[in-house]
Structure formats: structure tokens, C-alpha cells
PDB file of N, CA and C in Angstrom:
ATOM      1  N   UNK A   1     144.125  12.286  88.202  1.00  0.00           N
ATOM      2  CA  UNK A   1     145.571  12.358  88.043  1.00  0.00           C
ATOM      3  C   UNK A   1     146.121  11.043  87.486  1.00  0.00           C
ATOM      4  N   UNK A   2     145.622   9.944  88.017  1.00  0.00           N
ATOM      5  CA  UNK A   2     146.091   8.636  87.523  1.00  0.00           C
ATOM      6  C   UNK A   2     145.718   8.433  86.064  1.00  0.00           C
ATOM      7  N   UNK A   3     144.525   8.866  85.721  1.00  0.00           N
ATOM      8  CA  UNK A   3     144.084   8.709  84.340  1.00  0.00           C
ATOM      9  C   UNK A   3     144.950   9.528  83.384  1.00  0.00           C
ATOM     10  N   UNK A   4     145.323  10.725  83.797  1.00  0.00           N
ATOM     11  CA  UNK A   4     146.195  11.567  82.965  1.00  0.00           C
ATOM     12  C   UNK A   4     147.558  10.911  82.791  1.00  0.00           C
ATOM     13  N   UNK A   5     148.086  10.329  83.859  1.00  0.00           N
ATOM     14  CA  UNK A   5     149.381   9.647  83.774  1.00  0.00           C
ATOM     15  C   UNK A   5     149.272   8.421  82.873  1.00  0.00           C
ATOM     16  N   UNK A   6     148.188   7.683  83.010  1.00  0.00           N
ATOM     17  CA  UNK A   6     147.962   6.501  82.177  1.00  0.00           C
ATOM     18  C   UNK A   6     147.869   6.902  80.707  1.00  0.00           C
ATOM     19  N   UNK A   7     147.148   7.974  80.413  1.00  0.00           N
ATOM     20  CA  UNK A   7     147.035   8.456  79.038  1.00  0.00           C
ATOM     21  C   UNK A   7     148.388   8.906  78.490  1.00  0.00           C
ATOM     22  N   UNK A   8     149.153   9.588  79.314  1.00  0.00           N
ATOM     23  CA  UNK A   8     150.470  10.058  78.892  1.00  0.00           C
ATOM     24  C   UNK A   8     151.381   8.882  78.578  1.00  0.00           C
ATOM     25  N   UNK A   9     151.368   7.860  79.435  1.00  0.00           N
ATOM     26  CA  UNK A   9     152.197   6.669  79.207  1.00  0.00           C
ATOM     27  C   UNK A   9     151.769   5.949  77.926  1.00  0.00           C
ATOM     28  N   UNK A  10     150.455   5.875  77.719  1.00  0.00           N
ATOM     29  CA  UNK A  10     149.950   5.232  76.511  1.00  0.00           C
ATOM     30  C   UNK A  10     150.401   5.981  75.259  1.00  0.00           C
ATOM     31  N   UNK A  11     150.256   7.302  75.262  1.00  0.00           N
ATOM     32  CA  UNK A  11     150.684   8.109  74.111  1.00  0.00           C
ATOM     33  C   UNK A  11     152.195   7.988  73.880  1.00  0.00           C
ATOM     34  N   UNK A  12     152.965   7.962  74.952  1.00  0.00           N
ATOM     35  CA  UNK A  12     154.413   7.814  74.830  1.00  0.00           C
ATOM     36  C   UNK A  12     154.769   6.459  74.220  1.00  0.00           C
ATOM     37  N   UNK A  13     154.099   5.413  74.661  1.00  0.00           N
ATOM     38  CA  UNK A  13     154.341   4.079  74.117  1.00  0.00           C
ATOM     39  C   UNK A  13     153.962   4.024  72.644  1.00  0.00           C
ATOM     40  N   UNK A  14     152.808   4.589  72.307  1.00  0.00           N
ATOM     41  CA  UNK A  14     152.381   4.630  70.910  1.00  0.00           C
ATOM     42  C   UNK A  14     153.382   5.380  70.047  1.00  0.00           C
ATOM     43  N   UNK A  15     153.886   6.481  70.548  1.00  0.00           N
ATOM     44  CA  UNK A  15     154.876   7.276  69.812  1.00  0.00           C
ATOM     45  C   UNK A  15     156.149   6.470  69.579  1.00  0.00           C
ATOM     46  N   UNK A  16     156.631   5.787  70.614  1.00  0.00           N
ATOM     47  CA  UNK A  16     157.844   4.986  70.479  1.00  0.00           C
ATOM     48  C   UNK A  16     157.651   3.861  69.469  1.00  0.00           C
ATOM     49  N   UNK A  17     156.480   3.221  69.506  1.00  0.00           N
ATOM     50  CA  UNK A  17     156.206   2.152  68.544  1.00  0.00           C
ATOM     51  C   UNK A  17     156.137   2.687  67.122  1.00  0.00           C
ATOM     52  N   UNK A  18     155.541   3.835  66.946  1.00  0.00           N
ATOM     53  CA  UNK A  18     155.447   4.451  65.623  1.00  0.00           C
ATOM     54  C   UNK A  18     156.818   4.809  65.087  1.00  0.00           C
ATOM     55  N   UNK A  19     157.652   5.377  65.934  1.00  0.00           N
ATOM     56  CA  UNK A  19     159.005   5.736  65.512  1.00  0.00           C
ATOM     57  C   UNK A  19     159.791   4.486  65.120  1.00  0.00           C
ATOM     58  N   UNK A  20     159.674   3.425  65.895  1.00  0.00           N
ATOM     59  CA  UNK A  20     160.375   2.178  65.577  1.00  0.00           C
ATOM     60  C   UNK A  20     159.887   1.600  64.250  1.00  0.00           C
ATOM     61  N   UNK A  21     158.601   1.638  64.013  1.00  0.00           N
ATOM     62  CA  UNK A  21     158.052   1.140  62.751  1.00  0.00           C
ATOM     63  C   UNK A  21     158.555   1.973  61.577  1.00  0.00           C
ATOM     64  N   UNK A  22     158.611   3.272  61.726  1.00  0.00           N
ATOM     65  CA  UNK A  22     159.144   4.129  60.665  1.00  0.00           C
ATOM     66  C   UNK A  22     160.606   3.816  60.388  1.00  0.00           C
ATOM     67  N   UNK A  23     161.362   3.550  61.426  1.00  0.00           N
ATOM     68  CA  UNK A  23     162.772   3.167  61.221  1.00  0.00           C
ATOM     69  C   UNK A  23     162.884   1.874  60.434  1.00  0.00           C
ATOM     70  N   UNK A  24     162.036   0.898  60.773  1.00  0.00           N
ATOM     71  CA  UNK A  24     162.072  -0.378  60.045  1.00  0.00           C
ATOM     72  C   UNK A  24     161.688  -0.182  58.594  1.00  0.00           C
ATOM     73  N   UNK A  25     160.669   0.603  58.347  1.00  0.00           N
ATOM     74  CA  UNK A  25     160.230   0.854  56.976  1.00  0.00           C
ATOM     75  C   UNK A  25     161.327   1.566  56.197  1.00  0.00           C
ATOM     76  N   UNK A  26     161.931   2.576  56.797  1.00  0.00           N
ATOM     77  CA  UNK A  26     162.982   3.334  56.122  1.00  0.00           C
ATOM     78  C   UNK A  26     164.158   2.435  55.787  1.00  0.00           C
ATOM     79  N   UNK A  27     164.603   1.636  56.757  1.00  0.00           N
ATOM     80  CA  UNK A  27     165.715   0.722  56.512  1.00  0.00           C
ATOM     81  C   UNK A  27     165.341  -0.323  55.476  1.00  0.00           C
ATOM     82  N   UNK A  28     164.093  -0.758  55.510  1.00  0.00           N
ATOM     83  CA  UNK A  28     163.633  -1.752  54.550  1.00  0.00           C
ATOM     84  C   UNK A  28     163.675  -1.223  53.128  1.00  0.00           C
ATOM     85  N   UNK A  29     163.285   0.025  52.925  1.00  0.00           N
ATOM     86  CA  UNK A  29     163.329   0.622  51.599  1.00  0.00           C
ATOM     87  C   UNK A  29     164.755   0.728  51.084  1.00  0.00           C
ATOM     88  N   UNK A  30     165.651   1.100  51.956  1.00  0.00           N
ATOM     89  CA  UNK A  30     167.048   1.203  51.543  1.00  0.00           C
ATOM     90  C   UNK A  30     167.609  -0.176  51.205  1.00  0.00           C
ATOM     91  N   UNK A  31     167.273  -1.168  52.005  1.00  0.00           N
ATOM     92  CA  UNK A  31     167.742  -2.531  51.741  1.00  0.00           C
ATOM     93  C   UNK A  31     167.173  -3.042  50.422  1.00  0.00           C
ATOM     94  N   UNK A  32     165.902  -2.750  50.169  1.00  0.00           N
ATOM     95  CA  UNK A  32     165.282  -3.172  48.916  1.00  0.00           C
ATOM     96  C   UNK A  32     165.952  -2.510  47.719  1.00  0.00           C
ATOM     97  N   UNK A  33     166.267  -1.245  47.839  1.00  0.00           N
ATOM     98  CA  UNK A  33     166.939  -0.537  46.750  1.00  0.00           C
ATOM     99  C   UNK A  33     168.316  -1.135  46.473  1.00  0.00           C
ATOM    100  N   UNK A  34     169.044  -1.471  47.539  1.00  0.00           N
ATOM    101  CA  UNK A  34     170.363  -2.100  47.350  1.00  0.00           C
ATOM    102  C   UNK A  34     170.224  -3.457  46.682  1.00  0.00           C
ATOM    103  N   UNK A  35     169.230  -4.224  47.106  1.00  0.00           N
ATOM    104  CA  UNK A  35     169.016  -5.547  46.532  1.00  0.00           C
ATOM    105  C   UNK A  35     168.623  -5.435  45.062  1.00  0.00           C
ATOM    106  N   UNK A  36     167.738  -4.489  44.764  1.00  0.00           N
ATOM    107  CA  UNK A  36     167.309  -4.293  43.375  1.00  0.00           C
ATOM    108  C   UNK A  36     168.500  -3.917  42.501  1.00  0.00           C
ATOM    109  N   UNK A  37     169.378  -3.075  43.031  1.00  0.00           N
ATOM    110  CA  UNK A  37     170.550  -2.646  42.260  1.00  0.00           C
ATOM    111  C   UNK A  37     171.460  -3.838  41.970  1.00  0.00           C
ATOM    112  N   UNK A  38     171.629  -4.707  42.944  1.00  0.00           N
ATOM    113  CA  UNK A  38     172.520  -5.860  42.772  1.00  0.00           C
ATOM    114  C   UNK A  38     171.974  -6.887  41.789  1.00  0.00           C
ATOM    115  N   UNK A  39     170.687  -7.149  41.860  1.00  0.00           N
ATOM    116  CA  UNK A  39     170.141  -8.230  41.037  1.00  0.00           C
ATOM    117  C   UNK A  39     169.235  -7.731  39.926  1.00  0.00           C
ATOM    118  N   UNK A  40     169.185  -6.451  39.720  1.00  0.00           N
ATOM    119  CA  UNK A  40     168.305  -5.879  38.704  1.00  0.00           C
ATOM    120  C   UNK A  40     168.565  -6.415  37.317  1.00  0.00           C
ATOM    121  N   UNK A  41     169.816  -6.567  36.939  1.00  0.00           N
ATOM    122  CA  UNK A  41     170.132  -7.059  35.596  1.00  0.00           C
ATOM    123  C   UNK A  41     169.670  -8.497  35.419  1.00  0.00           C
ATOM    124  N   UNK A  42     169.693  -9.281  36.469  1.00  0.00           N
ATOM    125  CA  UNK A  42     169.218 -10.660  36.374  1.00  0.00           C
ATOM    126  C   UNK A  42     167.738 -10.690  36.061  1.00  0.00           C
ATOM    127  N   UNK A  43     166.959  -9.805  36.699  1.00  0.00           N
ATOM    128  CA  UNK A  43     165.535  -9.749  36.423  1.00  0.00           C
ATOM    129  C   UNK A  43     165.274  -9.240  35.014  1.00  0.00           C
ATOM    130  N   UNK A  44     166.061  -8.311  34.557  1.00  0.00           N
ATOM    131  CA  UNK A  44     165.881  -7.804  33.187  1.00  0.00           C
ATOM    132  C   UNK A  44     166.140  -8.916  32.193  1.00  0.00           C
ATOM    133  N   UNK A  45     167.155  -9.736  32.451  1.00  0.00           N
ATOM    134  CA  UNK A  45     167.443 -10.868  31.574  1.00  0.00           C
ATOM    135  C   UNK A  45     166.279 -11.834  31.531  1.00  0.00           C
ATOM    136  N   UNK A  46     165.656 -12.090  32.667  1.00  0.00           N
ATOM    137  CA  UNK A  46     164.511 -12.997  32.713  1.00  0.00           C
ATOM    138  C   UNK A  46     163.328 -12.419  31.955  1.00  0.00           C
ATOM    139  N   UNK A  47     163.104 -11.115  32.084  1.00  0.00           N
ATOM    140  CA  UNK A  47     161.989 -10.487  31.382  1.00  0.00           C
ATOM    141  C   UNK A  47     162.160 -10.573  29.861  1.00  0.00           C
ATOM    142  N   UNK A  48     163.370 -10.383  29.378  1.00  0.00           N
ATOM    143  CA  UNK A  48     163.606 -10.403  27.942  1.00  0.00           C
ATOM    144  C   UNK A  48     163.556 -11.819  27.382  1.00  0.00           C
ATOM    145  N   UNK A  49     163.923 -12.798  28.166  1.00  0.00           N
ATOM    146  CA  UNK A  49     163.932 -14.156  27.664  1.00  0.00           C
ATOM    147  C   UNK A  49     162.522 -14.708  27.492  1.00  0.00           C
ATOM    148  N   UNK A  50     161.542 -14.160  28.238  1.00  0.00           N
ATOM    149  CA  UNK A  50     160.170 -14.663  28.139  1.00  0.00           C
ATOM    150  C   UNK A  50     159.400 -14.002  26.995  1.00  0.00           C
ATOM    151  N   UNK A  51     159.953 -12.973  26.363  1.00  0.00           N
ATOM    152  CA  UNK A  51     159.249 -12.237  25.299  1.00  0.00           C
ATOM    153  C   UNK A  51     159.453 -12.918  23.983  1.00  0.00           C
TER     154      UNK A  51
END
């Protein structure tokens, strides 16, 4: 019985950590997209100046 409870707690903790990591990744992608949109033209200018 204790082992089953220990396994359940472990799986629950793993699930919570996975969900939190997915939230960070999702938010990170959105933040990156916003940043790219804001400074994208600056990078394009740099790319053209080196050609």
C-alpha cells in the first residue's frame, strides 16, 4: 500500500513538473515571437549590410 502511494505521489509530481515546463516553453515561444516582431527589421538591416 505504501509503495502504491509513493508511486502515485511520484507520478503526480512528475505530471505537475511536466505541465509547468510546457507552460514555460509555450510562454517562451510567444515571447520570442513578440521580440522577433519588434526587432525583426533591425536584423534584416544587418543582414543586408553585410552582403
